[in-house]
Protein backbone atom coordinates (compact mmCIF):
# COMPACT_ATOMS: atom_id res chain seq x y z
CA MET A 1 0.00 0.00 0.00
CA ARG A 2 1.08 3.56 -0.72
CA VAL A 3 -0.64 6.45 1.10
CA VAL A 4 -0.42 10.08 0.03
CA ILE A 5 -1.30 12.69 2.64
CA ALA A 6 -2.32 16.19 1.52
CA GLY A 7 -1.27 18.53 4.32
CA GLY A 8 1.74 18.53 6.64
CA GLY A 9 0.06 19.95 9.73
CA ILE A 10 -0.65 18.17 13.00
CA ALA A 11 -3.23 15.77 11.54
CA GLY A 12 -1.12 14.86 8.53
CA LEU A 13 2.08 14.32 10.50
CA THR A 14 0.37 12.20 13.17
CA THR A 15 -1.18 10.02 10.49
CA ALA A 16 2.19 9.64 8.77
CA ILE A 17 4.00 8.68 11.98
CA VAL A 18 1.63 5.81 12.70
CA LEU A 19 1.61 4.61 9.08
CA THR A 20 5.38 4.60 8.68
CA ARG A 21 5.81 2.75 11.97
CA ARG A 22 3.44 0.09 10.62
CA GLY A 23 5.61 -0.26 7.51
CA ILE A 24 3.25 1.51 5.10
CA GLU A 25 4.82 3.62 2.35
CA THR A 26 3.74 7.20 3.02
CA SER A 27 4.31 10.61 1.42
CA VAL A 28 3.20 13.92 2.94
CA PHE A 29 2.75 16.91 0.62
CA GLU A 30 2.55 20.32 2.31
CA SER A 31 1.48 23.39 0.34
CA ALA A 32 3.52 25.88 2.39
CA ALA A 33 7.26 26.47 2.33
CA ALA A 34 9.36 24.42 4.71
CA ASP A 35 10.46 27.51 6.66
CA ARG A 36 6.98 29.02 7.06
CA PRO A 37 6.24 30.10 10.67
CA GLN A 38 3.89 27.63 12.39
CA GLY A 39 1.37 29.95 14.04
CA SER A 40 1.50 30.75 17.74
CA GLY A 41 0.63 28.52 20.71
CA LEU A 42 -1.71 25.68 21.58
CA MET A 43 -2.67 23.24 24.32
CA VAL A 44 -2.15 19.49 24.11
CA SER A 45 -4.55 17.80 26.51
CA ALA A 46 -4.83 14.37 28.11
CA ASN A 47 -6.60 12.61 25.23
CA ALA A 48 -3.82 13.51 22.78
CA LEU A 49 -1.04 12.97 25.34
CA GLU A 50 -2.23 9.40 25.90
CA LEU A 51 -1.76 8.71 22.17
CA PHE A 52 1.64 10.40 22.09
CA THR A 53 2.65 8.19 25.02
CA ARG A 54 1.75 5.13 22.97
CA LEU A 55 3.94 6.52 20.17
CA GLY A 56 6.85 7.23 22.52
CA LEU A 57 6.67 10.99 21.93
CA TYR A 58 5.32 12.19 25.27
CA ASP A 59 8.68 13.07 26.84
CA ALA A 60 9.73 15.09 23.78
CA ILE A 61 6.48 17.05 23.79
CA ARG A 62 6.63 17.64 27.52
CA GLY A 63 10.19 18.88 27.17
CA ALA A 64 9.17 21.26 24.38
CA GLY A 65 6.45 22.98 26.41
CA ARG A 66 5.23 23.85 29.88
CA GLU A 67 2.74 22.18 32.22
CA PRO A 68 0.50 24.77 33.91
CA GLN A 69 0.09 24.20 37.63
CA ALA A 70 -3.60 25.12 37.43
CA MET A 71 -6.31 26.06 34.96
CA GLY A 72 -8.47 29.02 35.85
CA VAL A 73 -11.23 31.27 34.56
CA PHE A 74 -11.52 34.75 36.06
CA SER A 75 -13.63 37.85 35.58
CA GLN A 76 -11.91 40.97 34.26
CA THR A 77 -11.79 42.29 37.84
CA GLY A 78 -9.80 39.20 38.88
CA ARG A 79 -12.59 37.32 40.67
CA PRO A 80 -12.25 33.52 40.17
CA VAL A 81 -15.03 31.83 38.23
CA SER A 82 -13.49 28.34 38.18
CA VAL A 83 -9.99 27.14 39.11
CA VAL A 84 -8.77 23.53 38.87
CA ASP A 85 -5.42 22.36 40.25
CA SER A 86 -3.51 20.42 37.57
CA ARG A 87 -2.79 17.65 40.07
CA GLN A 88 -6.51 16.93 40.19
CA TRP A 89 -6.56 16.85 36.39
CA GLN A 90 -3.65 14.40 36.35
CA GLU A 91 -5.27 12.12 38.93
CA ARG A 92 -8.41 11.91 36.82
CA TYR A 93 -6.96 11.72 33.30
CA GLY A 94 -3.36 10.59 33.77
CA PHE A 95 -1.78 13.75 32.38
CA ARG A 96 -1.56 17.48 32.88
CA SER A 97 -2.14 19.63 29.82
CA ILE A 98 0.94 20.99 28.07
CA ALA A 99 1.15 24.49 26.61
CA LEU A 100 3.67 24.91 23.80
CA HIS A 101 4.46 26.76 20.62
CA ARG A 102 2.86 25.18 17.57
CA GLU A 103 6.30 25.21 15.95
CA ALA A 104 7.66 23.12 18.83
CA LEU A 105 4.97 20.46 18.41
CA HIS A 106 5.48 20.50 14.65
CA SER A 107 9.22 20.01 15.19
CA VAL A 108 8.67 16.98 17.44
CA LEU A 109 6.29 15.36 14.96
CA SER A 110 8.50 16.11 11.95
CA GLY A 111 11.51 14.73 13.81
CA ALA A 112 9.70 11.43 14.31
CA LEU A 113 9.56 10.89 10.53
CA PRO A 114 12.28 10.01 8.01
CA GLY A 115 13.50 13.16 6.28
CA GLU A 116 12.21 12.30 2.82
CA ILE A 117 8.60 11.72 3.91
CA VAL A 118 7.48 15.38 3.98
CA GLN A 119 7.75 17.53 0.86
CA ALA A 120 7.05 21.27 1.08
CA ASN A 121 5.72 23.59 -1.63
CA ARG A 122 3.52 20.81 -3.04
CA ARG A 123 -0.14 21.88 -3.03
CA VAL A 124 -2.73 19.18 -3.74
CA VAL A 125 -5.62 20.65 -5.77
CA GLY A 126 -7.64 17.58 -6.72
CA PHE A 127 -7.67 13.92 -7.66
CA GLU A 128 -9.18 11.28 -9.90
CA GLN A 129 -9.82 7.79 -8.62
CA THR A 130 -10.67 4.37 -9.96
CA ARG A 131 -11.67 1.28 -8.04
CA ASP A 132 -8.03 0.45 -7.31
CA ARG A 133 -5.98 3.69 -7.45
CA VAL A 134 -6.00 7.43 -6.84
CA THR A 135 -4.23 9.94 -9.07
CA VAL A 136 -3.38 13.02 -6.99
CA ARG A 137 -3.06 16.36 -8.82
CA PHE A 138 -0.85 19.28 -7.76
CA ASP A 139 -1.03 22.97 -8.65
CA SER A 140 2.18 22.53 -10.64
CA GLY A 141 0.42 20.10 -12.98
CA ALA A 142 2.36 17.12 -11.62
CA THR A 143 0.60 13.95 -10.42
CA GLU A 144 1.27 11.13 -7.97
CA GLU A 145 -0.23 7.64 -7.88
CA ALA A 146 -1.39 6.08 -4.62
CA ASP A 147 -3.68 3.48 -3.11
CA VAL A 148 -5.11 5.96 -0.60
CA LEU A 149 -5.35 9.76 -0.45
CA VAL A 150 -5.74 11.33 2.99
CA GLY A 151 -7.06 14.89 2.99
CA ALA A 152 -5.40 16.58 5.96
CA ASP A 153 -5.48 20.01 4.34
CA GLY A 154 -7.44 21.92 6.94
CA LEU A 155 -10.58 24.01 7.21
CA HIS A 156 -10.47 25.10 3.56
CA SER A 157 -9.67 21.60 2.30
CA ALA A 158 -9.28 21.18 -1.45
CA VAL A 159 -9.63 17.42 -1.02
CA ARG A 160 -12.95 17.80 0.82
CA THR A 161 -14.24 20.17 -1.86
CA ALA A 162 -13.28 17.74 -4.62
CA LEU A 163 -14.88 14.88 -2.67
CA PHE A 164 -18.15 16.47 -1.52
CA GLY A 165 -18.35 19.95 -3.02
CA GLU A 166 -18.10 23.34 -1.34
CA ARG A 167 -18.91 23.32 2.36
CA GLN A 168 -20.57 26.38 3.90
CA LEU A 169 -18.58 27.60 6.88
CA ARG A 170 -20.37 28.77 10.03
CA TYR A 171 -19.13 32.06 11.40
CA SER A 172 -19.36 32.36 15.17
CA GLY A 173 -19.68 36.15 15.11
CA GLN A 174 -16.26 36.50 16.73
CA THR A 175 -12.74 37.11 15.52
CA SER A 176 -9.58 36.12 17.38
CA TYR A 177 -6.05 37.45 17.80
CA ARG A 178 -3.10 35.28 18.83
CA ALA A 179 0.55 35.97 19.52
CA ILE A 180 3.63 35.01 21.53
CA ALA A 181 4.91 37.60 24.02
CA ASP A 182 8.49 37.71 25.29
CA HIS A 183 7.29 37.82 28.87
CA VAL A 184 6.10 35.46 31.63
CA VAL A 185 3.88 36.08 34.63
CA GLU A 186 6.03 35.09 37.61
CA ALA A 187 3.91 36.12 40.59
CA GLY A 188 0.28 36.57 41.61
CA PRO A 189 -2.86 34.51 40.91
CA TYR A 190 -2.02 33.96 37.22
CA ALA A 191 1.57 32.71 37.63
CA ASP A 192 1.96 29.33 35.87
CA VAL A 193 -1.80 29.14 35.42
CA LEU A 194 -3.56 28.42 32.14
CA THR A 195 -5.66 31.56 32.43
CA GLU A 196 -8.80 32.78 30.71
CA ILE A 197 -10.30 36.14 31.67
CA TRP A 198 -13.90 36.88 30.70
CA GLY A 199 -14.96 40.43 30.05
CA HIS A 200 -18.15 41.96 31.29
CA GLN A 201 -19.00 42.85 27.70
CA GLY A 202 -20.24 40.00 25.55
CA GLY A 203 -17.69 38.18 23.44
CA GLN A 204 -14.56 39.65 24.99
CA ARG A 205 -12.06 37.14 26.40
CA PHE A 206 -8.33 37.08 27.01
CA GLY A 207 -6.43 33.85 27.65
CA PHE A 208 -2.78 33.06 28.16
CA ALA A 209 -0.38 30.28 29.12
CA ARG A 210 3.37 30.17 29.65
CA ILE A 211 5.04 27.98 27.02
CA ASP A 212 8.68 28.05 28.16
CA GLU A 213 11.07 29.90 30.45
CA CYS A 214 10.62 33.31 28.83
CA ARG A 215 7.56 33.31 26.56
CA THR A 216 3.79 33.30 26.91
CA TYR A 217 1.14 32.39 24.35
CA TRP A 218 -1.96 34.56 24.48
CA PHE A 219 -5.23 34.86 22.59
CA THR A 220 -8.27 37.08 22.66
CA THR A 221 -11.71 37.17 21.07
CA ARG A 222 -14.21 39.90 20.30
CA ARG A 223 -17.30 40.40 18.19
CA ALA A 224 -16.70 41.45 14.60
CA LEU A 225 -18.15 41.22 11.11
CA VAL A 226 -16.91 38.26 9.12
CA GLY A 227 -13.97 39.20 6.93
CA GLU A 228 -13.31 42.47 8.74
CA ARG A 229 -9.61 43.33 8.83
CA ASP A 230 -7.34 45.88 10.50
CA ASP A 231 -5.68 48.75 8.69
CA SER A 232 -2.28 47.54 9.90
CA PRO A 233 -0.70 45.37 12.62
CA GLU A 234 0.09 48.54 14.53
CA ALA A 235 -3.56 49.65 14.35
CA ALA A 236 -4.67 46.23 15.61
CA HIS A 237 -2.21 46.43 18.49
CA ARG A 238 -3.42 49.89 19.49
CA ARG A 239 -7.02 48.72 19.37
CA LEU A 240 -6.34 45.70 21.56
CA SER A 241 -4.39 47.79 24.06
CA ALA A 242 -7.33 50.18 24.36
CA GLU A 243 -9.94 47.42 24.60
CA PHE A 244 -8.11 45.65 27.43
CA GLU A 245 -7.04 48.75 29.31
CA ARG A 246 -9.36 47.84 32.23
CA TYR A 247 -8.11 44.27 32.48
CA PRO A 248 -5.52 43.06 35.04
CA ASP A 249 -1.96 44.38 34.85
CA GLU A 250 -0.74 41.02 33.52
CA VAL A 251 -2.90 41.37 30.41
CA ARG A 252 -1.71 44.88 29.68
CA GLU A 253 1.91 43.80 30.14
CA LEU A 254 1.56 40.87 27.76
CA LEU A 255 0.15 43.21 25.12
CA ARG A 256 2.93 45.72 25.74
CA ARG A 257 5.56 42.98 25.23
CA THR A 258 4.00 41.78 21.96
CA GLU A 259 5.38 42.88 18.62
CA PRO A 260 2.51 44.11 16.42
CA ALA A 261 3.92 42.26 13.41
CA SER A 262 3.51 38.95 15.25
CA LEU A 263 -0.28 39.28 15.66
CA ILE A 264 -2.32 36.58 13.92
CA ARG A 265 -5.98 37.36 13.30
CA THR A 266 -8.48 34.63 12.43
CA ASP A 267 -12.26 34.63 12.21
CA ILE A 268 -13.64 31.82 14.38
CA GLN A 269 -15.45 29.37 12.09
CA ASP A 270 -16.35 25.72 11.79
CA PHE A 271 -18.83 23.75 9.66
CA ALA A 272 -21.76 21.48 10.42
CA PRO A 273 -20.66 17.83 10.83
CA LEU A 274 -20.29 15.85 7.62
CA ALA A 275 -22.32 12.67 7.26
CA ARG A 276 -19.33 10.90 5.68
CA TRP A 277 -15.59 11.42 5.88
CA HIS A 278 -14.63 9.16 2.98
CA ASP A 279 -15.54 8.02 -0.52
CA GLY A 280 -13.78 5.39 -2.57
CA ARG A 281 -10.08 5.55 -1.74
CA VAL A 282 -10.12 9.11 -0.38
CA VAL A 283 -10.59 10.00 3.28
CA LEU A 284 -10.53 13.16 5.38
CA VAL A 285 -8.81 13.75 8.70
CA GLY A 286 -8.42 16.66 11.16
CA ASP A 287 -10.00 20.03 10.34
CA ALA A 288 -10.77 18.85 6.82
CA ALA A 289 -13.20 16.33 8.35
CA HIS A 290 -14.36 17.94 11.60
CA ALA A 291 -13.25 21.52 12.14
CA THR A 292 -14.16 22.94 15.54
CA THR A 293 -14.08 26.36 17.14
CA PRO A 294 -11.20 26.76 19.63
CA ASN A 295 -13.36 27.28 22.73
CA LEU A 296 -12.44 23.94 24.31
CA GLY A 297 -8.82 23.93 23.13
CA GLN A 298 -9.48 20.65 21.30
CA GLY A 299 -8.76 21.42 17.64
CA ALA A 300 -5.26 19.93 17.59
CA CYS A 301 -6.19 17.13 19.98
CA GLN A 302 -9.08 15.96 17.84
CA ALA A 303 -6.83 16.03 14.76
CA ILE A 304 -4.30 13.88 16.61
CA GLU A 305 -7.00 11.40 17.60
CA SER A 306 -8.30 11.09 14.05
CA GLY A 307 -4.85 10.70 12.53
CA TYR A 308 -3.94 8.00 15.03
CA VAL A 309 -7.15 6.01 14.58
CA LEU A 310 -7.19 6.25 10.78
CA ALA A 311 -3.60 5.10 10.42
CA THR A 312 -4.06 2.28 12.92
CA GLU A 313 -7.10 0.97 11.03
CA LEU A 314 -5.38 1.23 7.63
CA ALA A 315 -2.53 -0.88 8.98
CA GLN A 316 -4.80 -3.82 9.85
CA ARG A 317 -7.81 -3.81 7.51
CA THR A 318 -8.75 -3.42 3.87
CA VAL A 319 -9.11 0.19 2.76
CA GLN A 320 -12.90 0.29 2.83
CA ASP A 321 -13.16 -1.57 6.14
CA ALA A 322 -10.52 0.73 7.64
CA PHE A 323 -12.37 3.86 6.53
CA ALA A 324 -15.66 2.56 7.93
CA LYS A 325 -14.11 1.57 11.25
CA TYR A 326 -12.26 4.90 11.53
CA GLN A 327 -15.46 6.89 11.09
CA ALA A 328 -17.39 4.63 13.45
CA VAL A 329 -14.80 5.16 16.19
CA ARG A 330 -14.24 8.88 15.71
CA TRP A 331 -17.43 10.50 14.36
CA SER A 332 -19.44 10.79 17.57
CA ARG A 333 -16.48 12.11 19.59
CA ALA A 334 -15.61 14.73 16.98
CA GLU A 335 -19.26 15.76 16.66
CA LEU A 336 -19.54 16.09 20.45
CA VAL A 337 -16.53 18.41 20.60
CA THR A 338 -17.79 20.51 17.69
CA ARG A 339 -21.20 20.89 19.32
CA MET A 340 -19.91 21.56 22.85
CA SER A 341 -17.33 24.05 21.64
CA TRP A 342 -19.87 25.97 19.55
CA ARG A 343 -22.35 26.17 22.44
CA PHE A 344 -19.67 27.15 24.94
CA GLY A 345 -18.53 29.96 22.66
CA LYS A 346 -22.10 31.24 22.41
CA LEU A 347 -22.51 31.11 26.19
CA VAL A 348 -19.30 32.95 26.97
CA GLY A 349 -20.05 35.47 24.23
CA MET A 350 -23.41 36.43 25.68
CA GLY A 351 -23.80 40.01 26.81
CA GLY A 352 -26.39 41.82 28.88
CA PRO A 353 -27.70 40.93 32.35
CA LEU A 354 -28.46 37.30 31.45
CA GLY A 355 -24.98 36.71 30.05
CA ARG A 356 -23.31 38.23 33.09
CA TRP A 357 -25.46 36.16 35.44
CA LEU A 358 -24.71 32.90 33.61
CA LYS A 359 -20.95 33.54 33.55
CA PHE A 360 -20.36 35.20 36.89
CA GLY A 361 -23.39 34.11 38.91
CA LEU A 362 -24.25 30.54 37.91
CA MET A 363 -20.92 29.09 36.75
CA PRO A 364 -18.96 29.78 39.98
CA ARG A 365 -21.60 27.73 41.83
CA LEU A 366 -21.00 24.63 39.73
CA SER A 367 -18.80 22.15 41.57
CA THR A 368 -15.41 21.20 40.20
CA GLN A 369 -16.37 17.53 40.23
CA ARG A 370 -19.47 18.23 38.16
CA ALA A 371 -17.41 20.18 35.62
CA LEU A 372 -14.85 17.36 35.42
CA ARG A 373 -17.56 14.76 34.83
CA GLN A 374 -18.75 16.77 31.86
CA MET A 375 -15.19 16.70 30.49
CA ASP A 376 -14.81 12.92 30.83
CA ALA A 377 -16.45 12.31 27.45
CA ILE A 378 -13.69 14.35 25.81
CA PHE A 379 -10.55 13.51 27.75
CA LYS A 380 -11.06 9.78 28.42
CA LEU A 381 -10.33 7.73 25.31
CA PRO A 382 -12.75 4.89 24.46
CA TYR A 383 -10.09 2.98 22.52
């Protein structure tokens, strides 16, 4: 069997690692240049860390990032809404979450593959398939033959479009900014805490986590029209500084230590769950199959799960049986995360008296154990 993977992100690399370790010939084609910056930061949670442990990559990932000592949500005045000690998280799920730069995770995954597996500057634009083979087409006009094509090419997947047609994206009504600041919070209630601060105005949030000895990943959300853009990075930075002027000192300092040119702005979107993730010899994985909003910090983790399961099934079944088993194992979990994340984003984004009561009146009264039980369906693997 030969497998071609379109997309060299987290989903594509995870799939390739499992396939190559099972002796399956694999090629990964990434549309971007090899030296392209890999975004900002992310969280790798217990469900993904369990799979990386099985692959022998846990220690490398842990060494590349930082384990927060607690995870907390606060109001913009600093009042705690919910705080969970990471030791409690580890007792329940076996792992603490790890915050790290996306580039660091990408480096660990790339380093687990033979050097010739991943080829950059190779954009997959379509395919033709017969009963027995797939011909993969590139924007250069070149083609590659394979037994299986895996579409791991993200939210705007060309493989998904060729397979099922254009998919309407759902806009959440919010845009996000992300960056890495050359600063860490060393004292106070937010020191070494995976922190999210909810504004009193609907839709406004600011989160941050230390990723190494001297840097912090941060993100923020606010309401905006879809497609709206800033006049310049400097204008965006000034706007953010003004919007978060009444937030805790730590927030203002992180913004002050951020280079405007490093800001990444992304509209928060997903799409309604697909009924099928495969057809013939072509299959989707990661955001191409089940994009989710980032409200639960599960985008990368769900991509890792899907890549692992798909590759494991391909290594032990016929192609069609493997695809069917992969979707049977993963569809309901991915759909649950997509649904929960969308609803959570709507809840946190609510304004007015009702929104403030739900966030700052009701949620602090919910017990930690009750909140953890709700998370079990996500963080405890059923396979």
